[in-house]
C-alpha atoms as a PDB file:
ATOM      1  CA  MET A   1      74.190-180.071 -37.411  1.00  0.00           C
ATOM      2  CA  PRO A   2      72.893-177.850 -35.665  1.00  0.00           C
ATOM      3  CA  ILE A   3      71.947-174.347 -36.790  1.00  0.00           C
ATOM      4  CA  ASP A   4      72.771-171.597 -34.927  1.00  0.00           C
ATOM      5  CA  ARG A   5      70.872-168.981 -36.771  1.00  0.00           C
ATOM      6  CA  PRO A   6      66.874-169.209 -36.287  1.00  0.00           C
ATOM      7  CA  ASP A   7      66.057-168.596 -40.616  1.00  0.00           C
ATOM      8  CA  GLU A   8      62.733-170.321 -40.162  1.00  0.00           C
ATOM      9  CA  TYR A   9      59.827-170.919 -37.780  1.00  0.00           C
ATOM     10  CA  GLN A  10      57.911-173.445 -38.228  1.00  0.00           C
ATOM     11  CA  VAL A  11      56.348-174.127 -35.062  1.00  0.00           C
ATOM     12  CA  ASN A  12      54.654-171.509 -32.383  1.00  0.00           C
ATOM     13  CA  GLN A  13      54.227-173.164 -28.432  1.00  0.00           C
ATOM     14  CA  THR A  14      51.634-175.830 -29.757  1.00  0.00           C
ATOM     15  CA  GLY A  15      54.266-176.518 -32.496  1.00  0.00           C
ATOM     16  CA  THR A  16      51.669-177.006 -34.809  1.00  0.00           C
ATOM     17  CA  GLY A  17      52.383-173.744 -36.760  1.00  0.00           C
ATOM     18  CA  ALA A  18      48.900-172.113 -36.547  1.00  0.00           C
ATOM     19  CA  ARG A  19      48.330-168.307 -35.554  1.00  0.00           C
ATOM     20  CA  VAL A  20      48.614-167.435 -31.631  1.00  0.00           C
ATOM     21  CA  SER A  21      44.841-167.777 -30.366  1.00  0.00           C
ATOM     22  CA  PRO A  22      44.046-164.771 -28.571  1.00  0.00           C
ATOM     23  CA  PRO A  23      44.013-164.695 -24.661  1.00  0.00           C
ATOM     24  CA  ASP A  24      40.787-165.362 -22.823  1.00  0.00           C
ATOM     25  CA  ASP A  25      41.196-162.083 -21.289  1.00  0.00           C
ATOM     26  CA  PRO A  26      40.609-158.901 -23.680  1.00  0.00           C
ATOM     27  CA  ALA A  27      43.359-158.188 -26.127  1.00  0.00           C
ATOM     28  CA  PRO A  28      46.071-156.201 -24.922  1.00  0.00           C
ATOM     29  CA  LYS A  29      45.206-152.042 -25.997  1.00  0.00           C
ATOM     30  CA  PRO A  30      47.817-151.239 -29.165  1.00  0.00           C
ATOM     31  CA  LEU A  31      50.897-149.962 -27.855  1.00  0.00           C
ATOM     32  CA  MET A  32      51.228-146.128 -27.548  1.00  0.00           C
ATOM     33  CA  ALA A  33      47.855-145.615 -28.600  1.00  0.00           C
ATOM     34  CA  SER A  34      47.708-142.466 -26.436  1.00  0.00           C
ATOM     35  CA  ARG A  35      50.159-140.895 -28.769  1.00  0.00           C
ATOM     36  CA  LYS A  36      49.746-142.552 -32.367  1.00  0.00           C
ATOM     37  CA  ARG A  37      53.210-141.003 -34.438  1.00  0.00           C
ATOM     38  CA  GLY A  38      52.684-143.138 -37.474  1.00  0.00           C
ATOM     39  CA  ARG A  39      52.967-146.552 -38.638  1.00  0.00           C
ATOM     40  CA  ASN A  40      55.510-148.655 -36.773  1.00  0.00           C
ATOM     41  CA  LEU A  41      55.347-146.254 -34.090  1.00  0.00           C
ATOM     42  CA  GLY A  42      56.712-143.158 -36.044  1.00  0.00           C
ATOM     43  CA  LEU A  43      59.718-145.015 -36.957  1.00  0.00           C
ATOM     44  CA  GLY A  44      60.109-143.421 -40.592  1.00  0.00           C
ATOM     45  CA  SER A  45      59.077-146.944 -42.303  1.00  0.00           C
ATOM     46  CA  ARG A  46      55.949-149.040 -43.245  1.00  0.00           C
ATOM     47  CA  ASN A  47      57.986-151.971 -43.611  1.00  0.00           C
ATOM     48  CA  LEU A  48      58.565-153.837 -40.209  1.00  0.00           C
ATOM     49  CA  THR A  49      61.895-154.853 -40.900  1.00  0.00           C
ATOM     50  CA  ARG A  50      63.097-151.954 -41.773  1.00  0.00           C
ATOM     51  CA  ALA A  51      61.979-149.981 -38.949  1.00  0.00           C
ATOM     52  CA  GLY A  52      63.177-152.484 -36.656  1.00  0.00           C
ATOM     53  CA  LYS A  53      66.535-151.930 -37.766  1.00  0.00           C
ATOM     54  CA  THR A  54      65.900-147.943 -38.286  1.00  0.00           C
ATOM     55  CA  CYS A  55      65.451-148.524 -34.362  1.00  0.00           C
ATOM     56  CA  ALA A  56      68.280-150.433 -33.686  1.00  0.00           C
ATOM     57  CA  HIS A  57      71.019-147.932 -35.594  1.00  0.00           C
ATOM     58  CA  GLN A  58      69.328-144.961 -33.326  1.00  0.00           C
ATOM     59  CA  SER A  59      69.641-146.602 -30.458  1.00  0.00           C
ATOM     60  CA  GLY A  60      73.251-145.120 -29.460  1.00  0.00           C
ATOM     61  CA  LYS A  61      74.795-148.938 -29.000  1.00  0.00           C
ATOM     62  CA  ALA A  62      78.215-149.760 -30.733  1.00  0.00           C
ATOM     63  CA  PHE A  63      78.141-149.917 -34.340  1.00  0.00           C
ATOM     64  CA  ALA A  64      78.131-154.275 -34.103  1.00  0.00           C
ATOM     65  CA  THR A  65      75.918-154.428 -31.578  1.00  0.00           C
ATOM     66  CA  ARG A  66      73.268-152.315 -33.967  1.00  0.00           C
ATOM     67  CA  GLY A  67      73.792-154.613 -36.443  1.00  0.00           C
ATOM     68  CA  THR A  68      73.662-157.657 -34.817  1.00  0.00           C
ATOM     69  CA  LEU A  69      70.143-156.401 -32.960  1.00  0.00           C
ATOM     70  CA  ALA A  70      68.995-155.275 -36.365  1.00  0.00           C
ATOM     71  CA  GLU A  71      69.919-158.866 -38.350  1.00  0.00           C
ATOM     72  CA  ARG A  72      67.658-160.796 -34.930  1.00  0.00           C
ATOM     73  CA  TRP A  73      65.005-158.336 -35.479  1.00  0.00           C
ATOM     74  CA  SER A  74      64.793-159.408 -39.003  1.00  0.00           C
ATOM     75  CA  VAL A  75      64.320-162.687 -38.175  1.00  0.00           C
ATOM     76  CA  PHE A  76      61.750-162.038 -35.519  1.00  0.00           C
ATOM     77  CA  ALA A  77      59.927-159.909 -38.177  1.00  0.00           C
ATOM     78  CA  LYS A  78      60.107-162.731 -40.833  1.00  0.00           C
ATOM     79  CA  TRP A  79      58.266-164.985 -38.217  1.00  0.00           C
ATOM     80  CA  LEU A  80      55.801-162.729 -37.396  1.00  0.00           C
ATOM     81  CA  GLU A  81      54.983-162.292 -40.909  1.00  0.00           C
ATOM     82  CA  GLN A  82      55.197-165.919 -42.014  1.00  0.00           C
ATOM     83  CA  THR A  83      53.571-167.449 -38.732  1.00  0.00           C
ATOM     84  CA  GLN A  84      51.148-164.368 -37.304  1.00  0.00           C
ATOM     85  CA  GLY A  85      50.603-162.567 -40.468  1.00  0.00           C
ATOM     86  CA  ILE A  86      51.597-159.673 -38.895  1.00  0.00           C
ATOM     87  CA  LYS A  87      53.293-156.580 -40.306  1.00  0.00           C
ATOM     88  CA  ARG A  88      52.899-153.773 -37.933  1.00  0.00           C
ATOM     89  CA  MET A  89      54.857-152.955 -34.730  1.00  0.00           C
ATOM     90  CA  GLU A  90      52.006-151.747 -33.235  1.00  0.00           C
ATOM     91  CA  ASP A  91      50.399-155.079 -32.954  1.00  0.00           C
ATOM     92  CA  ILE A  92      53.127-156.291 -31.563  1.00  0.00           C
ATOM     93  CA  ASN A  93      52.432-157.504 -28.025  1.00  0.00           C
ATOM     94  CA  ARG A  94      53.783-159.921 -25.373  1.00  0.00           C
ATOM     95  CA  GLU A  95      51.979-162.997 -26.111  1.00  0.00           C
ATOM     96  CA  LEU A  96      53.286-162.812 -29.565  1.00  0.00           C
ATOM     97  CA  VAL A  97      56.902-162.504 -28.372  1.00  0.00           C
ATOM     98  CA  ILE A  98      56.642-165.174 -26.007  1.00  0.00           C
ATOM     99  CA  ALA A  99      55.364-167.397 -28.371  1.00  0.00           C
ATOM    100  CA  TYR A 100      58.261-166.262 -30.539  1.00  0.00           C
ATOM    101  CA  GLY A 101      60.133-167.532 -27.550  1.00  0.00           C
ATOM    102  CA  GLN A 102      58.566-170.871 -27.133  1.00  0.00           C
ATOM    103  CA  ALA A 103      59.030-171.363 -30.825  1.00  0.00           C
ATOM    104  CA  LEU A 104      62.803-171.254 -30.280  1.00  0.00           C
ATOM    105  CA  LYS A 105      62.263-173.469 -27.381  1.00  0.00           C
ATOM    106  CA  ALA A 106      61.411-175.902 -29.651  1.00  0.00           C
ATOM    107  CA  ARG A 107      64.186-175.756 -31.860  1.00  0.00           C
ATOM    108  CA  VAL A 108      66.183-175.521 -28.733  1.00  0.00           C
ATOM    109  CA  GLU A 109      64.798-179.130 -27.600  1.00  0.00           C
ATOM    110  CA  ARG A 110      65.488-180.575 -31.216  1.00  0.00           C
ATOM    111  CA  ASN A 111      69.166-179.564 -31.293  1.00  0.00           C
ATOM    112  CA  GLU A 112      68.851-177.129 -34.206  1.00  0.00           C
ATOM    113  CA  LEU A 113      69.861-174.156 -31.913  1.00  0.00           C
ATOM    114  CA  LYS A 114      71.647-173.396 -28.609  1.00  0.00           C
ATOM    115  CA  ALA A 115      70.065-172.549 -25.521  1.00  0.00           C
ATOM    116  CA  SER A 116      72.455-169.230 -25.472  1.00  0.00           C
ATOM    117  CA  THR A 117      71.282-168.307 -29.267  1.00  0.00           C
ATOM    118  CA  ALA A 118      67.701-168.241 -28.513  1.00  0.00           C
ATOM    119  CA  GLN A 119      68.412-166.024 -25.666  1.00  0.00           C
ATOM    120  CA  LEU A 120      69.881-163.673 -27.579  1.00  0.00           C
ATOM    121  CA  TYR A 121      67.082-163.545 -30.064  1.00  0.00           C
ATOM    122  CA  VAL A 122      64.358-162.795 -27.381  1.00  0.00           C
ATOM    123  CA  SER A 123      66.522-159.972 -25.920  1.00  0.00           C
ATOM    124  CA  ALA A 124      67.146-158.789 -29.395  1.00  0.00           C
ATOM    125  CA  VAL A 125      63.015-158.085 -29.731  1.00  0.00           C
ATOM    126  CA  ASN A 126      62.710-156.682 -26.215  1.00  0.00           C
ATOM    127  CA  SER A 127      65.339-154.298 -26.863  1.00  0.00           C
ATOM    128  CA  ILE A 128      64.116-153.024 -29.950  1.00  0.00           C
ATOM    129  CA  MET A 129      60.686-153.063 -28.827  1.00  0.00           C
ATOM    130  CA  ASN A 130      61.672-150.946 -25.457  1.00  0.00           C
ATOM    131  CA  SER A 131      63.798-148.232 -27.386  1.00  0.00           C
ATOM    132  CA  ALA A 132      60.529-147.837 -30.114  1.00  0.00           C
ATOM    133  CA  THR A 133      57.424-147.668 -27.316  1.00  0.00           C
ATOM    134  CA  GLN A 134      60.104-145.081 -25.378  1.00  0.00           C
ATOM    135  CA  GLY A 135      60.617-147.472 -22.135  1.00  0.00           C
ATOM    136  CA  GLU A 136      56.537-148.330 -22.162  1.00  0.00           C
ATOM    137  CA  TRP A 137      57.315-152.170 -23.342  1.00  0.00           C
ATOM    138  CA  GLN A 138      56.826-155.089 -20.347  1.00  0.00           C
ATOM    139  CA  THR A 139      59.803-157.058 -21.005  1.00  0.00           C
ATOM    140  CA  VAL A 140      59.753-160.372 -21.802  1.00  0.00           C
ATOM    141  CA  SER A 141      61.790-163.264 -20.070  1.00  0.00           C
ATOM    142  CA  PRO A 142      63.575-166.105 -21.975  1.00  0.00           C
ATOM    143  CA  THR A 143      63.604-167.991 -19.465  1.00  0.00           C
ATOM    144  CA  ARG A 144      60.923-167.431 -17.199  1.00  0.00           C
ATOM    145  CA  ASP A 145      58.290-166.517 -19.652  1.00  0.00           C
ATOM    146  CA  CYS A 146      59.777-168.632 -22.676  1.00  0.00           C
ATOM    147  CA  GLY A 147      60.653-171.608 -20.828  1.00  0.00           C
ATOM    148  CA  ILE A 148      64.249-171.436 -23.136  1.00  0.00           C
ATOM    149  CA  PRO A 149      66.594-173.430 -20.895  1.00  0.00           C
ATOM    150  CA  LYS A 150      69.706-171.394 -18.587  1.00  0.00           C
ATOM    151  CA  ARG A 151      72.840-170.909 -20.442  1.00  0.00           C
ATOM    152  CA  CYS A 152      75.523-173.013 -19.032  1.00  0.00           C
ATOM    153  CA  TYR A 153      78.407-172.168 -20.936  1.00  0.00           C
ATOM    154  CA  ILE A 154      82.254-173.320 -19.914  1.00  0.00           C
ATOM    155  CA  PRO A 155      84.615-171.914 -22.643  1.00  0.00           C
ATOM    156  CA  GLU A 156      87.260-174.142 -23.229  1.00  0.00           C
ATOM    157  CA  SER A 157      90.211-171.507 -23.739  1.00  0.00           C
ATOM    158  CA  SER A 158      91.046-168.074 -21.812  1.00  0.00           C
ATOM    159  CA  LYS A 159      89.752-164.778 -23.410  1.00  0.00           C
ATOM    160  CA  ALA A 160      92.044-162.908 -21.358  1.00  0.00           C
ATOM    161  CA  MET A 161      93.736-160.219 -23.132  1.00  0.00           C
ATOM    162  CA  PRO A 162      97.689-161.966 -22.494  1.00  0.00           C
ATOM    163  CA  GLN A 163     100.246-159.887 -20.500  1.00  0.00           C
ATOM    164  CA  SER A 164     102.675-159.939 -23.912  1.00  0.00           C
ATOM    165  CA  GLN A 165      99.496-157.695 -25.912  1.00  0.00           C
ATOM    166  CA  HIS A 166      98.630-155.698 -23.074  1.00  0.00           C
ATOM    167  CA  ASP A 167     102.686-154.398 -22.869  1.00  0.00           C
ATOM    168  CA  GLN A 168     102.529-153.595 -26.388  1.00  0.00           C
ATOM    169  CA  LEU A 169      99.298-151.769 -26.946  1.00  0.00           C
ATOM    170  CA  GLN A 170     100.183-149.566 -24.049  1.00  0.00           C
ATOM    171  CA  THR A 171     102.778-148.095 -26.585  1.00  0.00           C
ATOM    172  CA  SER A 172     100.984-148.726 -30.124  1.00  0.00           C
ATOM    173  CA  VAL A 173      97.687-147.330 -29.795  1.00  0.00           C
ATOM    174  CA  ASP A 174      97.868-143.884 -31.052  1.00  0.00           C
ATOM    175  CA  ASP A 175      95.138-142.453 -27.968  1.00  0.00           C
ATOM    176  CA  LYS A 176      97.087-142.601 -25.016  1.00  0.00           C
ATOM    177  CA  ARG A 177      93.665-142.223 -23.497  1.00  0.00           C
ATOM    178  CA  ILE A 178      93.156-145.644 -24.816  1.00  0.00           C
ATOM    179  CA  ALA A 179      95.956-147.027 -23.150  1.00  0.00           C
ATOM    180  CA  VAL A 180      94.644-145.725 -19.902  1.00  0.00           C
ATOM    181  CA  LEU A 181      90.950-147.284 -20.436  1.00  0.00           C
ATOM    182  CA  LEU A 182      92.584-150.648 -20.910  1.00  0.00           C
ATOM    183  CA  ASN A 183      94.463-150.208 -17.480  1.00  0.00           C
ATOM    184  CA  LEU A 184      91.780-149.436 -15.915  1.00  0.00           C
ATOM    185  CA  GLN A 185      89.346-152.159 -17.729  1.00  0.00           C
ATOM    186  CA  ARG A 186      92.665-154.743 -16.676  1.00  0.00           C
ATOM    187  CA  THR A 187      93.104-153.873 -13.254  1.00  0.00           C
ATOM    188  CA  LEU A 188      89.547-153.089 -12.024  1.00  0.00           C
ATOM    189  CA  GLY A 189      87.287-155.674 -14.154  1.00  0.00           C
ATOM    190  CA  LEU A 190      85.337-152.925 -15.653  1.00  0.00           C
ATOM    191  CA  ARG A 191      83.609-152.482 -19.062  1.00  0.00           C
ATOM    192  CA  PHE A 192      84.171-150.561 -21.694  1.00  0.00           C
ATOM    193  CA  LYS A 193      81.583-147.992 -21.092  1.00  0.00           C
ATOM    194  CA  GLU A 194      82.343-148.364 -17.260  1.00  0.00           C
ATOM    195  CA  SER A 195      85.812-147.100 -17.764  1.00  0.00           C
ATOM    196  CA  ALA A 196      85.169-144.280 -20.382  1.00  0.00           C
ATOM    197  CA  LEU A 197      82.621-142.686 -17.962  1.00  0.00           C
ATOM    198  CA  LEU A 198      84.687-143.207 -14.926  1.00  0.00           C
ATOM    199  CA  ASP A 199      85.343-140.073 -12.884  1.00  0.00           C
ATOM    200  CA  ALA A 200      88.424-141.325 -12.342  1.00  0.00           C
ATOM    201  CA  GLN A 201      89.621-138.184 -10.013  1.00  0.00           C
ATOM    202  CA  LYS A 202      87.018-138.668  -7.425  1.00  0.00           C
ATOM    203  CA  ALA A 203      87.667-142.754  -7.665  1.00  0.00           C
ATOM    204  CA  LEU A 204      90.971-142.004  -6.859  1.00  0.00           C
ATOM    205  CA  ARG A 205      90.576-140.124  -3.553  1.00  0.00           C
ATOM    206  CA  GLN A 206      87.961-143.016  -2.705  1.00  0.00           C
ATOM    207  CA  ALA A 207      90.449-145.567  -3.031  1.00  0.00           C
ATOM    208  CA  GLN A 208      93.361-143.860  -1.070  1.00  0.00           C
ATOM    209  CA  ARG A 209      90.277-143.645   1.595  1.00  0.00           C
ATOM    210  CA  GLU A 210      88.802-146.502   1.206  1.00  0.00           C
ATOM    211  CA  GLY A 211      90.828-149.465  -0.947  1.00  0.00           C
ATOM    212  CA  ARG A 212      88.320-149.374  -3.111  1.00  0.00           C
ATOM    213  CA  ILE A 213      85.671-147.945  -5.624  1.00  0.00           C
ATOM    214  CA  THR A 214      82.501-147.471  -5.955  1.00  0.00           C
ATOM    215  CA  VAL A 215      81.425-148.272  -9.990  1.00  0.00           C
ATOM    216  CA  PHE A 216      77.939-146.863 -10.810  1.00  0.00           C
ATOM    217  CA  SER A 217      78.411-144.701 -14.717  1.00  0.00           C
ATOM    218  CA  GLY A 218      78.018-146.690 -17.316  1.00  0.00           C
ATOM    219  CA  THR A 219      76.445-149.703 -15.388  1.00  0.00           C
ATOM    220  CA  LYS A 220      74.198-152.540 -16.659  1.00  0.00           C
ATOM    221  CA  GLY A 221      71.021-151.161 -15.243  1.00  0.00           C
ATOM    222  CA  GLY A 222      72.595-148.487 -13.301  1.00  0.00           C
ATOM    223  CA  LYS A 223      73.332-150.683 -10.354  1.00  0.00           C
ATOM    224  CA  ARG A 224      76.131-149.405  -8.478  1.00  0.00           C
ATOM    225  CA  ARG A 225      79.121-152.357  -7.181  1.00  0.00           C
ATOM    226  CA  HIS A 226      82.131-152.226  -4.914  1.00  0.00           C
ATOM    227  CA  VAL A 227      85.537-152.854  -6.201  1.00  0.00           C
ATOM    228  CA  PRO A 228      88.759-153.356  -4.610  1.00  0.00           C
ATOM    229  CA  VAL A 229      91.619-151.546  -5.832  1.00  0.00           C
ATOM    230  CA  SER A 230      94.877-153.104  -5.752  1.00  0.00           C
ATOM    231  CA  ALA A 231      98.866-151.198  -6.018  1.00  0.00           C
ATOM    232  CA  GLU A 232      98.771-151.838 -10.117  1.00  0.00           C
ATOM    233  CA  ALA A 233      95.014-150.324  -9.861  1.00  0.00           C
ATOM    234  CA  MET A 234      95.689-147.678  -7.817  1.00  0.00           C
ATOM    235  CA  GLU A 235      98.537-146.547 -10.428  1.00  0.00           C
ATOM    236  CA  ALA A 236      96.133-146.862 -13.371  1.00  0.00           C
ATOM    237  CA  LEU A 237      93.862-144.591 -11.140  1.00  0.00           C
ATOM    238  CA  LYS A 238      96.698-142.151 -10.721  1.00  0.00           C
ATOM    239  CA  THR A 239      97.673-142.224 -14.270  1.00  0.00           C
ATOM    240  CA  ALA A 240      93.948-141.618 -15.511  1.00  0.00           C
ATOM    241  CA  ALA A 241      93.244-138.831 -12.918  1.00  0.00           C
ATOM    242  CA  THR A 242      96.056-137.081 -14.565  1.00  0.00           C
ATOM    243  CA  LEU A 243      94.830-136.980 -18.139  1.00  0.00           C
ATOM    244  CA  GLN A 244      90.956-136.507 -17.297  1.00  0.00           C
ATOM    245  CA  ASP A 245      89.472-133.085 -18.506  1.00  0.00           C
ATOM    246  CA  GLY A 246      86.277-133.091 -17.633  1.00  0.00           C
ATOM    247  CA  PRO A 247      83.637-135.332 -15.617  1.00  0.00           C
ATOM    248  CA  SER A 248      84.931-138.618 -17.234  1.00  0.00           C
ATOM    249  CA  MET A 249      87.337-139.929 -18.705  1.00  0.00           C
ATOM    250  CA  VAL A 250      86.002-138.823 -22.248  1.00  0.00           C
ATOM    251  CA  PRO A 251      87.604-136.045 -23.885  1.00  0.00           C
ATOM    252  CA  ALA A 252      86.024-132.579 -22.498  1.00  0.00           C
ATOM    253  CA  ASN A 253      85.415-131.506 -26.584  1.00  0.00           C
ATOM    254  CA  LEU A 254      83.990-135.166 -27.644  1.00  0.00           C
ATOM    255  CA  ARG A 255      80.489-136.910 -26.856  1.00  0.00           C
ATOM    256  CA  TYR A 256      80.598-140.411 -25.444  1.00  0.00           C
ATOM    257  CA  VAL A 257      79.053-142.221 -28.577  1.00  0.00           C
ATOM    258  CA  ASP A 258      82.002-140.290 -30.836  1.00  0.00           C
ATOM    259  CA  PHE A 259      85.005-140.813 -28.360  1.00  0.00           C
ATOM    260  CA  ARG A 260      83.150-144.488 -28.048  1.00  0.00           C
ATOM    261  CA  ASP A 261      83.433-145.247 -31.944  1.00  0.00           C
ATOM    262  CA  HIS A 262      87.274-143.831 -31.732  1.00  0.00           C
ATOM    263  CA  CYS A 263      88.161-146.659 -29.348  1.00  0.00           C
ATOM    264  CA  TYR A 264      86.538-149.165 -31.396  1.00  0.00           C
ATOM    265  CA  SER A 265      88.018-148.110 -34.465  1.00  0.00           C
ATOM    266  CA  GLN A 266      91.555-148.590 -33.313  1.00  0.00           C
ATOM    267  CA  ALA A 267      90.669-151.742 -31.377  1.00  0.00           C
ATOM    268  CA  GLN A 268      89.864-153.055 -34.830  1.00  0.00           C
ATOM    269  CA  GLN A 269      92.717-151.765 -36.266  1.00  0.00           C
ATOM    270  CA  GLN A 270      95.589-153.174 -34.231  1.00  0.00           C
ATOM    271  CA  PRO A 271      93.208-155.723 -33.340  1.00  0.00           C
ATOM    272  CA  PHE A 272      92.381-156.558 -29.964  1.00  0.00           C
ATOM    273  CA  GLN A 273      89.201-156.745 -27.923  1.00  0.00           C
ATOM    274  CA  PHE A 274      88.568-154.705 -24.780  1.00  0.00           C
ATOM    275  CA  HIS A 275      86.737-157.178 -22.804  1.00  0.00           C
ATOM    276  CA  GLY A 276      89.694-159.406 -22.452  1.00  0.00           C
ATOM    277  CA  GLN A 277      90.496-156.993 -19.927  1.00  0.00           C
ATOM    278  CA  ARG A 278      87.856-158.305 -17.505  1.00  0.00           C
ATOM    279  CA  HIS A 279      88.357-161.748 -18.171  1.00  0.00           C
ATOM    280  CA  HIS A 280      92.396-161.092 -17.352  1.00  0.00           C
ATOM    281  CA  TYR A 281      91.165-159.168 -14.155  1.00  0.00           C
ATOM    282  CA  ALA A 282      88.310-162.116 -13.590  1.00  0.00           C
ATOM    283  CA  GLN A 283      90.994-164.942 -13.765  1.00  0.00           C
ATOM    284  CA  GLN A 284      93.503-163.095 -11.548  1.00  0.00           C
ATOM    285  CA  ARG A 285      90.966-162.372  -8.980  1.00  0.00           C
ATOM    286  CA  TYR A 286      90.166-165.675  -8.604  1.00  0.00           C
ATOM    287  CA  GLU A 287      93.679-167.188  -8.639  1.00  0.00           C
ATOM    288  CA  THR A 288      94.210-164.352  -5.479  1.00  0.00           C
ATOM    289  CA  LEU A 289      90.932-165.300  -3.842  1.00  0.00           C
ATOM    290  CA  THR A 290      91.545-168.972  -3.887  1.00  0.00           C
ATOM    291  CA  GLY A 291      95.516-169.440  -4.252  1.00  0.00           C
ATOM    292  CA  VAL A 292      94.767-171.333  -7.300  1.00  0.00           C
ATOM    293  CA  PRO A 293      94.874-170.547 -10.883  1.00  0.00           C
ATOM    294  CA  ALA A 294      91.211-170.273 -12.715  1.00  0.00           C
ATOM    295  CA  PRO A 295      89.978-173.495 -13.748  1.00  0.00           C
ATOM    296  CA  ILE A 296      90.670-172.328 -17.435  1.00  0.00           C
ATOM    297  CA  ASN A 297      94.326-171.466 -17.008  1.00  0.00           C
ATOM    298  CA  THR A 298      95.053-175.421 -15.909  1.00  0.00           C
ATOM    299  CA  SER A 299      93.760-178.288 -17.943  1.00  0.00           C
ATOM    300  CA  ILE A 300      91.760-180.107 -14.987  1.00  0.00           C
ATOM    301  CA  ALA A 301      88.515-181.128 -15.687  1.00  0.00           C
ATOM    302  CA  VAL A 302      85.319-179.617 -14.041  1.00  0.00           C
ATOM    303  CA  SER A 303      84.390-183.032 -12.682  1.00  0.00           C
ATOM    304  CA  ASP A 304      87.736-182.873 -10.927  1.00  0.00           C
ATOM    305  CA  TRP A 305      88.171-179.382  -9.944  1.00  0.00           C
ATOM    306  CA  HIS A 306      87.452-179.021  -6.398  1.00  0.00           C
ATOM    307  CA  SER A 307      89.478-182.675  -5.265  1.00  0.00           C
ATOM    308  CA  TYR A 308      92.131-180.497  -7.726  1.00  0.00           C
ATOM    309  CA  MET A 309      91.990-177.483  -5.344  1.00  0.00           C
ATOM    310  CA  ALA A 310      91.713-179.942  -1.927  1.00  0.00           C
ATOM    311  CA  THR A 311      94.714-181.593  -2.707  1.00  0.00           C
ATOM    312  CA  ARG A 312      96.825-178.616  -4.125  1.00  0.00           C
ATOM    313  CA  LEU A 313      95.591-176.492  -0.924  1.00  0.00           C
ATOM    314  CA  ASN A 314      95.325-179.549   1.292  1.00  0.00           C
ATOM    315  CA  ILE A 315      91.973-178.530   2.545  1.00  0.00           C
ATOM    316  CA  ASP A 316      89.282-180.969   2.898  1.00  0.00           C
ATOM    317  CA  LEU A 317      86.697-181.630  -0.507  1.00  0.00           C
ATOM    318  CA  THR A 318      83.975-178.924   1.371  1.00  0.00           C
ATOM    319  CA  ALA A 319      86.308-176.624   2.068  1.00  0.00           C
ATOM    320  CA  ALA A 320      87.701-176.759  -1.056  1.00  0.00           C
ATOM    321  CA  GLU A 321      84.051-176.411  -2.476  1.00  0.00           C
ATOM    322  CA  ALA A 322      83.122-174.000   0.131  1.00  0.00           C
ATOM    323  CA  LEU A 323      85.985-172.014  -1.073  1.00  0.00           C
ATOM    324  CA  ASP A 324      85.739-171.974  -4.856  1.00  0.00           C
ATOM    325  CA  GLN A 325      82.274-170.941  -4.530  1.00  0.00           C
ATOM    326  CA  ARG A 326      82.664-167.713  -2.223  1.00  0.00           C
ATOM    327  CA  ALA A 327      85.405-167.057  -5.220  1.00  0.00           C
ATOM    328  CA  ARG A 328      82.609-167.113  -7.903  1.00  0.00           C
ATOM    329  CA  SER A 329      80.147-165.155  -5.724  1.00  0.00           C
ATOM    330  CA  ILE A 330      82.728-162.305  -5.169  1.00  0.00           C
ATOM    331  CA  LEU A 331      83.672-162.097  -8.438  1.00  0.00           C
ATOM    332  CA  SER A 332      79.899-162.103  -9.736  1.00  0.00           C
ATOM    333  CA  GLN A 333      79.387-158.892  -7.369  1.00  0.00           C
ATOM    334  CA  GLU A 334      82.338-157.130  -8.622  1.00  0.00           C
ATOM    335  CA  LEU A 335      81.787-157.960 -12.030  1.00  0.00           C
ATOM    336  CA  GLY A 336      78.507-156.600 -12.121  1.00  0.00           C
ATOM    337  CA  HIS A 337      76.591-159.656 -12.667  1.00  0.00           C
ATOM    338  CA  GLU A 338      73.241-161.020 -11.175  1.00  0.00           C
ATOM    339  CA  ARG A 339      73.650-164.505 -11.760  1.00  0.00           C
ATOM    340  CA  LEU A 340      76.993-166.646 -10.718  1.00  0.00           C
ATOM    341  CA  GLU A 341      76.935-168.845 -13.176  1.00  0.00           C
ATOM    342  CA  VAL A 342      77.770-166.187 -16.021  1.00  0.00           C
ATOM    343  CA  VAL A 343      81.386-165.866 -14.109  1.00  0.00           C
ATOM    344  CA  ARG A 344      82.016-169.405 -15.554  1.00  0.00           C
ATOM    345  CA  VAL A 345      82.552-167.321 -18.992  1.00  0.00           C
ATOM    346  CA  TYR A 346      85.385-165.677 -17.429  1.00  0.00           C
ATOM    347  CA  ILE A 347      87.252-168.302 -15.566  1.00  0.00           C
ATOM    348  CA  GLY A 348      85.873-171.485 -16.534  1.00  0.00           C
END
């Protein structure tokens, strides 16, 4: 049975388990050499694993995300000590992280690890190192630098929040703002952070003028994107605008992180997941753009999808393929994803 947690590493990029050889060029200068802050970049611990965990818990990310980062960092720290003899964050460089990624790649090729899992473990190291070095870390790409295969994940069932659950939550959640956020996420395809930091009053004025809104606060990488506003989304914006008492949907007397933790606590009690609303948006938007249900909501095999579209819409196969590709491209932009294949996670 494949193992999805890389607990042990006995290989490096050569498959021998030996230390990574120094590059031909002079060794990179230690990170933060110009402003040393104590061992492990001044994170308050002489233990590499605990230092990384401290960094994860100071990241400002959601509680569950902090725990996940800490767990994945501990695996990397164990690999560093066992295969490279390294116990200090100052001694970590890109070559070592690339070697770690290549060790993960070897396990993917032996079917011991999923490619998606391997990518997430490299990304966790990037996240911790970027935070620990205060932005001086040069990110390692799991695919380009380490050779880990790109993810090609097609879900077997929809993760969209059912309409019945959405309706029930509108009256059962204790905080009316959470109900409003759920509506914004469902009708505009927003991530939780994007909906919380949305200036609904400003967005409503733009929607009334242009029929779309510009999303920029809380986006990944700070990248702007435009999202069309349906009749349902317009109503959601109007309700949100009346509730807003500050520059965003975060209550004026709270910090974002406190409001986020409050919302996540409510979600755990119900229970529900905010991200299911983005899945709903993507599936409904695909149907609007193509005239057929999202693949995830049918029993049609992936290999037969374009033939199904052609028959259902009474068009030829080439036109069906073009229509499907266009819809996926639009969805990728509206959801704020650079890679088109990520859309498969939402719609199949």
